[in-house]
Amino acid sequence: MTRDLIELFVWMWIIATAAFAPLAYFIYKFTQKNGKPFGETEPHGDSPSLVNELAENAIDFFKGLLAKK
């Protein structure tokens, strides 16, 4: 019975470590560079992006379809 309890304790520590590792990494990165977890990043929309262009084209296409009706 004691062996089972120790084994359960070890497995719980392994699971807890795996579950909280991403949080610990984020906190580490957040405190590393003056409150900027991912370093210097550009404000959203300043750099060209294929996904943004495709989304804008799709929106313009649907606006055109709705305007024709």
PDB file of N, CA and C in Angstrom:
ATOM      1  N   MET A   1       0.809  -1.189   0.000  1.00  0.00           N
ATOM      2  CA  MET A   1       0.000   0.000   0.000  1.00  0.00           C
ATOM      3  C   MET A   1       0.859   1.263   0.000  1.00  0.00           C
ATOM      4  N   THR A   2       1.920   1.253   0.763  1.00  0.00           N
ATOM      5  CA  THR A   2       2.804   2.410   0.806  1.00  0.00           C
ATOM      6  C   THR A   2       3.475   2.617  -0.543  1.00  0.00           C
ATOM      7  N   ARG A   3       3.819   1.520  -1.194  1.00  0.00           N
ATOM      8  CA  ARG A   3       4.453   1.604  -2.515  1.00  0.00           C
ATOM      9  C   ARG A   3       3.496   2.247  -3.516  1.00  0.00           C
ATOM     10  N   ASP A   4       2.226   1.869  -3.450  1.00  0.00           N
ATOM     11  CA  ASP A   4       1.232   2.452  -4.357  1.00  0.00           C
ATOM     12  C   ASP A   4       1.069   3.949  -4.112  1.00  0.00           C
ATOM     13  N   LEU A   5       1.105   4.349  -2.860  1.00  0.00           N
ATOM     14  CA  LEU A   5       0.963   5.757  -2.520  1.00  0.00           C
ATOM     15  C   LEU A   5       2.163   6.564  -3.020  1.00  0.00           C
ATOM     16  N   ILE A   6       3.340   6.027  -2.878  1.00  0.00           N
ATOM     17  CA  ILE A   6       4.550   6.706  -3.368  1.00  0.00           C
ATOM     18  C   ILE A   6       4.520   6.797  -4.891  1.00  0.00           C
ATOM     19  N   GLU A   7       4.106   5.716  -5.542  1.00  0.00           N
ATOM     20  CA  GLU A   7       4.019   5.716  -7.000  1.00  0.00           C
ATOM     21  C   GLU A   7       2.998   6.754  -7.486  1.00  0.00           C
ATOM     22  N   LEU A   8       1.860   6.832  -6.811  1.00  0.00           N
ATOM     23  CA  LEU A   8       0.848   7.838  -7.158  1.00  0.00           C
ATOM     24  C   LEU A   8       1.399   9.245  -6.970  1.00  0.00           C
ATOM     25  N   PHE A   9       2.113   9.457  -5.888  1.00  0.00           N
ATOM     26  CA  PHE A   9       2.721  10.764  -5.618  1.00  0.00           C
ATOM     27  C   PHE A   9       3.704  11.153  -6.721  1.00  0.00           C
ATOM     28  N   VAL A  10       4.515  10.233  -7.155  1.00  0.00           N
ATOM     29  CA  VAL A  10       5.488  10.503  -8.221  1.00  0.00           C
ATOM     30  C   VAL A  10       4.770  10.822  -9.531  1.00  0.00           C
ATOM     31  N   TRP A  11       3.757  10.037  -9.870  1.00  0.00           N
ATOM     32  CA  TRP A  11       3.012  10.306 -11.110  1.00  0.00           C
ATOM     33  C   TRP A  11       2.319  11.661 -11.061  1.00  0.00           C
ATOM     34  N   MET A  12       1.784  12.030  -9.922  1.00  0.00           N
ATOM     35  CA  MET A  12       1.133  13.338  -9.792  1.00  0.00           C
ATOM     36  C   MET A  12       2.145  14.473  -9.972  1.00  0.00           C
ATOM     37  N   TRP A  13       3.353  14.291  -9.462  1.00  0.00           N
ATOM     38  CA  TRP A  13       4.391  15.309  -9.656  1.00  0.00           C
ATOM     39  C   TRP A  13       4.766  15.427 -11.135  1.00  0.00           C
ATOM     40  N   ILE A  14       4.866  14.300 -11.809  1.00  0.00           N
ATOM     41  CA  ILE A  14       5.203  14.328 -13.245  1.00  0.00           C
ATOM     42  C   ILE A  14       4.103  15.034 -14.028  1.00  0.00           C
ATOM     43  N   ILE A  15       2.848  14.720 -13.750  1.00  0.00           N
ATOM     44  CA  ILE A  15       1.725  15.350 -14.450  1.00  0.00           C
ATOM     45  C   ILE A  15       1.663  16.844 -14.138  1.00  0.00           C
ATOM     46  N   ALA A  16       1.852  17.214 -12.876  1.00  0.00           N
ATOM     47  CA  ALA A  16       1.819  18.623 -12.492  1.00  0.00           C
ATOM     48  C   ALA A  16       2.956  19.403 -13.155  1.00  0.00           C
ATOM     49  N   THR A  17       4.112  18.808 -13.234  1.00  0.00           N
ATOM     50  CA  THR A  17       5.249  19.467 -13.888  1.00  0.00           C
ATOM     51  C   THR A  17       4.953  19.706 -15.363  1.00  0.00           C
ATOM     52  N   ALA A  18       4.400  18.718 -16.022  1.00  0.00           N
ATOM     53  CA  ALA A  18       4.061  18.866 -17.442  1.00  0.00           C
ATOM     54  C   ALA A  18       2.948  19.889 -17.639  1.00  0.00           C
ATOM     55  N   ALA A  19       2.008  19.958 -16.716  1.00  0.00           N
ATOM     56  CA  ALA A  19       0.878  20.876 -16.858  1.00  0.00           C
ATOM     57  C   ALA A  19       1.293  22.328 -16.631  1.00  0.00           C
ATOM     58  N   PHE A  20       2.185  22.568 -15.698  1.00  0.00           N
ATOM     59  CA  PHE A  20       2.545  23.943 -15.351  1.00  0.00           C
ATOM     60  C   PHE A  20       3.830  24.425 -16.007  1.00  0.00           C
ATOM     61  N   ALA A  21       4.492  23.591 -16.782  1.00  0.00           N
ATOM     62  CA  ALA A  21       5.724  24.014 -17.455  1.00  0.00           C
ATOM     63  C   ALA A  21       5.488  25.176 -18.420  1.00  0.00           C
ATOM     64  N   PRO A  22       4.423  25.184 -19.241  1.00  0.00           N
ATOM     65  CA  PRO A  22       4.212  26.341 -20.122  1.00  0.00           C
ATOM     66  C   PRO A  22       3.993  27.646 -19.358  1.00  0.00           C
ATOM     67  N   LEU A  23       3.289  27.584 -18.239  1.00  0.00           N
ATOM     68  CA  LEU A  23       3.078  28.775 -17.422  1.00  0.00           C
ATOM     69  C   LEU A  23       4.398  29.276 -16.851  1.00  0.00           C
ATOM     70  N   ALA A  24       5.213  28.376 -16.370  1.00  0.00           N
ATOM     71  CA  ALA A  24       6.517  28.752 -15.824  1.00  0.00           C
ATOM     72  C   ALA A  24       7.397  29.364 -16.912  1.00  0.00           C
ATOM     73  N   TYR A  25       7.358  28.813 -18.115  1.00  0.00           N
ATOM     74  CA  TYR A  25       8.147  29.360 -19.214  1.00  0.00           C
ATOM     75  C   TYR A  25       7.670  30.761 -19.584  1.00  0.00           C
ATOM     76  N   PHE A  26       6.335  30.971 -19.618  1.00  0.00           N
ATOM     77  CA  PHE A  26       5.805  32.285 -19.937  1.00  0.00           C
ATOM     78  C   PHE A  26       6.214  33.311 -18.885  1.00  0.00           C
ATOM     79  N   ILE A  27       6.131  32.948 -17.616  1.00  0.00           N
ATOM     80  CA  ILE A  27       6.537  33.861 -16.551  1.00  0.00           C
ATOM     81  C   ILE A  27       8.017  34.174 -16.671  1.00  0.00           C
ATOM     82  N   TYR A  28       8.827  33.181 -16.969  1.00  0.00           N
ATOM     83  CA  TYR A  28      10.261  33.395 -17.152  1.00  0.00           C
ATOM     84  C   TYR A  28      10.526  34.378 -18.293  1.00  0.00           C
ATOM     85  N   LYS A  29       9.854  34.188 -19.445  1.00  0.00           N
ATOM     86  CA  LYS A  29      10.054  35.077 -20.582  1.00  0.00           C
ATOM     87  C   LYS A  29       9.505  36.467 -20.293  1.00  0.00           C
ATOM     88  N   PHE A  30       8.397  36.559 -19.565  1.00  0.00           N
ATOM     89  CA  PHE A  30       7.776  37.839 -19.259  1.00  0.00           C
ATOM     90  C   PHE A  30       8.687  38.688 -18.381  1.00  0.00           C
ATOM     91  N   THR A  31       9.340  38.079 -17.425  1.00  0.00           N
ATOM     92  CA  THR A  31      10.211  38.824 -16.523  1.00  0.00           C
ATOM     93  C   THR A  31      11.587  39.063 -17.120  1.00  0.00           C
ATOM     94  N   GLN A  32      11.892  38.409 -18.204  1.00  0.00           N
ATOM     95  CA  GLN A  32      13.236  38.501 -18.785  1.00  0.00           C
ATOM     96  C   GLN A  32      13.463  39.815 -19.526  1.00  0.00           C
ATOM     97  N   LYS A  33      12.483  40.326 -20.253  1.00  0.00           N
ATOM     98  CA  LYS A  33      12.703  41.489 -21.118  1.00  0.00           C
ATOM     99  C   LYS A  33      11.763  42.643 -20.769  1.00  0.00           C
ATOM    100  N   ASN A  34      11.820  43.107 -19.542  1.00  0.00           N
ATOM    101  CA  ASN A  34      11.070  44.278 -19.105  1.00  0.00           C
ATOM    102  C   ASN A  34       9.581  44.193 -19.399  1.00  0.00           C
ATOM    103  N   GLY A  35       8.963  43.091 -19.108  1.00  0.00           N
ATOM    104  CA  GLY A  35       7.523  42.968 -19.286  1.00  0.00           C
ATOM    105  C   GLY A  35       7.086  42.691 -20.699  1.00  0.00           C
ATOM    106  N   LYS A  36       7.999  42.353 -21.572  1.00  0.00           N
ATOM    107  CA  LYS A  36       7.649  42.019 -22.951  1.00  0.00           C
ATOM    108  C   LYS A  36       7.991  40.549 -23.180  1.00  0.00           C
ATOM    109  N   PRO A  37       7.007  39.656 -23.066  1.00  0.00           N
ATOM    110  CA  PRO A  37       7.322  38.228 -23.085  1.00  0.00           C
ATOM    111  C   PRO A  37       7.883  37.742 -24.401  1.00  0.00           C
ATOM    112  N   PHE A  38       7.597  38.406 -25.502  1.00  0.00           N
ATOM    113  CA  PHE A  38       8.077  37.929 -26.795  1.00  0.00           C
ATOM    114  C   PHE A  38       9.025  38.920 -27.443  1.00  0.00           C
ATOM    115  N   GLY A  39       9.648  39.792 -26.648  1.00  0.00           N
ATOM    116  CA  GLY A  39      10.601  40.746 -27.178  1.00  0.00           C
ATOM    117  C   GLY A  39       9.901  41.897 -27.874  1.00  0.00           C
ATOM    118  N   GLU A  40      10.620  42.563 -28.730  1.00  0.00           N
ATOM    119  CA  GLU A  40      10.060  43.682 -29.485  1.00  0.00           C
ATOM    120  C   GLU A  40       9.238  43.143 -30.640  1.00  0.00           C
ATOM    121  N   THR A  41       7.978  43.440 -30.637  1.00  0.00           N
ATOM    122  CA  THR A  41       7.107  43.024 -31.727  1.00  0.00           C
ATOM    123  C   THR A  41       6.482  44.245 -32.360  1.00  0.00           C
ATOM    124  N   GLU A  42       6.156  44.116 -33.639  1.00  0.00           N
ATOM    125  CA  GLU A  42       5.523  45.225 -34.347  1.00  0.00           C
ATOM    126  C   GLU A  42       4.052  45.295 -33.974  1.00  0.00           C
ATOM    127  N   PRO A  43       3.495  46.508 -33.966  1.00  0.00           N
ATOM    128  CA  PRO A  43       2.051  46.599 -33.741  1.00  0.00           C
ATOM    129  C   PRO A  43       1.300  45.873 -34.848  1.00  0.00           C
ATOM    130  N   HIS A  44       0.145  45.349 -34.499  1.00  0.00           N
ATOM    131  CA  HIS A  44      -0.624  44.560 -35.460  1.00  0.00           C
ATOM    132  C   HIS A  44      -1.035  45.407 -36.651  1.00  0.00           C
ATOM    133  N   GLY A  45      -0.791  44.897 -37.835  1.00  0.00           N
ATOM    134  CA  GLY A  45      -1.224  45.559 -39.051  1.00  0.00           C
ATOM    135  C   GLY A  45      -0.153  46.365 -39.750  1.00  0.00           C
ATOM    136  N   ASP A  46       1.014  46.531 -39.127  1.00  0.00           N
ATOM    137  CA  ASP A  46       2.065  47.324 -39.762  1.00  0.00           C
ATOM    138  C   ASP A  46       2.868  46.555 -40.797  1.00  0.00           C
ATOM    139  N   SER A  47       2.949  45.275 -40.644  1.00  0.00           N
ATOM    140  CA  SER A  47       3.729  44.494 -41.589  1.00  0.00           C
ATOM    141  C   SER A  47       2.786  43.725 -42.519  1.00  0.00           C
ATOM    142  N   PRO A  48       3.184  43.562 -43.785  1.00  0.00           N
ATOM    143  CA  PRO A  48       2.318  42.818 -44.715  1.00  0.00           C
ATOM    144  C   PRO A  48       2.238  41.343 -44.316  1.00  0.00           C
ATOM    145  N   SER A  49       1.070  40.782 -44.515  1.00  0.00           N
ATOM    146  CA  SER A  49       0.862  39.393 -44.156  1.00  0.00           C
ATOM    147  C   SER A  49      -0.029  38.743 -45.203  1.00  0.00           C
ATOM    148  N   LEU A  50       0.324  37.563 -45.619  1.00  0.00           N
ATOM    149  CA  LEU A  50      -0.462  36.835 -46.609  1.00  0.00           C
ATOM    150  C   LEU A  50      -1.867  36.551 -46.085  1.00  0.00           C
ATOM    151  N   VAL A  51      -1.969  36.191 -44.822  1.00  0.00           N
ATOM    152  CA  VAL A  51      -3.275  35.886 -44.244  1.00  0.00           C
ATOM    153  C   VAL A  51      -4.145  37.146 -44.210  1.00  0.00           C
ATOM    154  N   ASN A  52      -3.554  38.282 -43.810  1.00  0.00           N
ATOM    155  CA  ASN A  52      -4.322  39.529 -43.782  1.00  0.00           C
ATOM    156  C   ASN A  52      -4.781  39.922 -45.179  1.00  0.00           C
ATOM    157  N   GLU A  53      -3.917  39.769 -46.165  1.00  0.00           N
ATOM    158  CA  GLU A  53      -4.281  40.118 -47.539  1.00  0.00           C
ATOM    159  C   GLU A  53      -5.404  39.220 -48.057  1.00  0.00           C
ATOM    160  N   LEU A  54      -5.322  37.925 -47.774  1.00  0.00           N
ATOM    161  CA  LEU A  54      -6.382  36.997 -48.197  1.00  0.00           C
ATOM    162  C   LEU A  54      -7.709  37.348 -47.523  1.00  0.00           C
ATOM    163  N   ALA A  55      -7.652  37.698 -46.246  1.00  0.00           N
ATOM    164  CA  ALA A  55      -8.878  38.059 -45.533  1.00  0.00           C
ATOM    165  C   ALA A  55      -9.474  39.338 -46.105  1.00  0.00           C
ATOM    166  N   GLU A  56      -8.630  40.324 -46.390  1.00  0.00           N
ATOM    167  CA  GLU A  56      -9.120  41.579 -46.977  1.00  0.00           C
ATOM    168  C   GLU A  56      -9.724  41.338 -48.351  1.00  0.00           C
ATOM    169  N   ASN A  57      -9.087  40.495 -49.153  1.00  0.00           N
ATOM    170  CA  ASN A  57      -9.623  40.176 -50.477  1.00  0.00           C
ATOM    171  C   ASN A  57     -10.972  39.462 -50.369  1.00  0.00           C
ATOM    172  N   ALA A  58     -11.096  38.549 -49.421  1.00  0.00           N
ATOM    173  CA  ALA A  58     -12.363  37.836 -49.240  1.00  0.00           C
ATOM    174  C   ALA A  58     -13.470  38.797 -48.795  1.00  0.00           C
ATOM    175  N   ILE A  59     -13.136  39.712 -47.884  1.00  0.00           N
ATOM    176  CA  ILE A  59     -14.124  40.689 -47.421  1.00  0.00           C
ATOM    177  C   ILE A  59     -14.554  41.594 -48.562  1.00  0.00           C
ATOM    178  N   ASP A  60     -13.588  42.059 -49.344  1.00  0.00           N
ATOM    179  CA  ASP A  60     -13.923  42.909 -50.495  1.00  0.00           C
ATOM    180  C   ASP A  60     -14.781  42.155 -51.512  1.00  0.00           C
ATOM    181  N   PHE A  61     -14.483  40.878 -51.723  1.00  0.00           N
ATOM    182  CA  PHE A  61     -15.254  40.066 -52.665  1.00  0.00           C
ATOM    183  C   PHE A  61     -16.711  39.952 -52.199  1.00  0.00           C
ATOM    184  N   PHE A  62     -16.902  39.651 -50.926  1.00  0.00           N
ATOM    185  CA  PHE A  62     -18.273  39.510 -50.408  1.00  0.00           C
ATOM    186  C   PHE A  62     -19.003  40.846 -50.369  1.00  0.00           C
ATOM    187  N   LYS A  63     -18.276  41.926 -50.106  1.00  0.00           N
ATOM    188  CA  LYS A  63     -18.893  43.249 -50.159  1.00  0.00           C
ATOM    189  C   LYS A  63     -19.359  43.546 -51.576  1.00  0.00           C
ATOM    190  N   GLY A  64     -18.550  43.162 -52.559  1.00  0.00           N
ATOM    191  CA  GLY A  64     -18.919  43.351 -53.946  1.00  0.00           C
ATOM    192  C   GLY A  64     -20.138  42.544 -54.321  1.00  0.00           C
ATOM    193  N   LEU A  65     -20.216  41.300 -53.830  1.00  0.00           N
ATOM    194  CA  LEU A  65     -21.388  40.476 -54.108  1.00  0.00           C
ATOM    195  C   LEU A  65     -22.656  41.069 -53.487  1.00  0.00           C
ATOM    196  N   LEU A  66     -22.529  41.569 -52.287  1.00  0.00           N
ATOM    197  CA  LEU A  66     -23.692  42.156 -51.620  1.00  0.00           C
ATOM    198  C   LEU A  66     -24.108  43.477 -52.275  1.00  0.00           C
ATOM    199  N   ALA A  67     -23.134  44.236 -52.795  1.00  0.00           N
ATOM    200  CA  ALA A  67     -23.462  45.516 -53.411  1.00  0.00           C
ATOM    201  C   ALA A  67     -24.167  45.321 -54.750  1.00  0.00           C
ATOM    202  N   LYS A  68     -23.900  44.206 -55.445  1.00  0.00           N
ATOM    203  CA  LYS A  68     -24.525  43.946 -56.730  1.00  0.00           C
ATOM    204  C   LYS A  68     -25.997  43.586 -56.584  1.00  0.00           C
ATOM    205  N   LYS A  69     -26.376  43.076 -55.417  1.00  0.00           N
ATOM    206  CA  LYS A  69     -27.763  42.622 -55.232  1.00  0.00           C
ATOM    207  C   LYS A  69     -28.686  43.763 -55.011  1.00  0.00           C
TER     208      LYS A  69
END
